[in-house]
Amino acid sequence: MSYSTKDWNEIKSNDSWALFKIMGEFVEGYDRMAKIGPCVSIFGSARTPEQSETFALTSEIAKKLSEQGFGIITGGGPGIMKAANKGATEAKGISVGLNIKLPFEQHPNEYIDIDKSIYFDYFFVRKVMFVKYAQGFVVMPGGFGTLDELFEALTLIQTHKIQHFPIILVGTSFWSGLLDWIKNTLLAQKTISKEDLDLFKMVDTSDEVVETILDFYKGKELRPNF
């Protein structure tokens, strides 16, 4: 396949105009998220059934964090995202949905606060909002998207691009295999340092999640991460 000079010029023109759309998403996201206050981002699979124990646990975690004064940020869709927004709503807390336009899986759930449902075309802009305005990440069982958010946050903290904040993996039966691989492969081959293992914590209960976040911020000021 080959491109003509005309094709390349059209691509460059489209790329230039896309910058304005990207800027617009950042401006709207910053403007609306900065008004919300301390939050925790909760991640996990959009495919988690509502009848599952994981769905119930996620709602419980979100409810308890909301009762402690934290807003809840999710990707705004079904599954774990819906569970977290549901828990926040039940506690009469702040329930944020950062929606992404996708050809499948994604549609806003009914538990997002009407004035806190924000739409994005670009994953990378949306991911900035998850990190910048969160005082912690709660990572439930999930797929590629969940792993993407997890490892991006770990990388940003490891490289000191953002402040250290709690990253909590919930569900030892789900995450222990990944942790074993990190220890037995990455650490063993020295592609990470031993201290990097302290960047996250693995727990099983809602009380452990809340305790981890409250302990981390005891005596500290809550503020955006960058």
Foldseek 3Di string as FASTA:
>chain_A
DDDDPVRVVVVVVVVVVVVVVLVVQLVVLCVLLVPQAEAEEEDAALPADCPDPLLQQLLVLLLVVQVVPHAYEYQQAHDSLLSNLNSCVVNVGARAHEHEDDPDSGDGDPSHDPSRYHYDPDPVSSLCSNQFRYQEYEYEYHDDVSVVSVVVVLVCCVVVVWPQHEYEYEDCVRCVVVVCCCVVPVPVVVVDDPVSVVSYYYYHHSVVVVVVRCVVCVVHDDHTTD
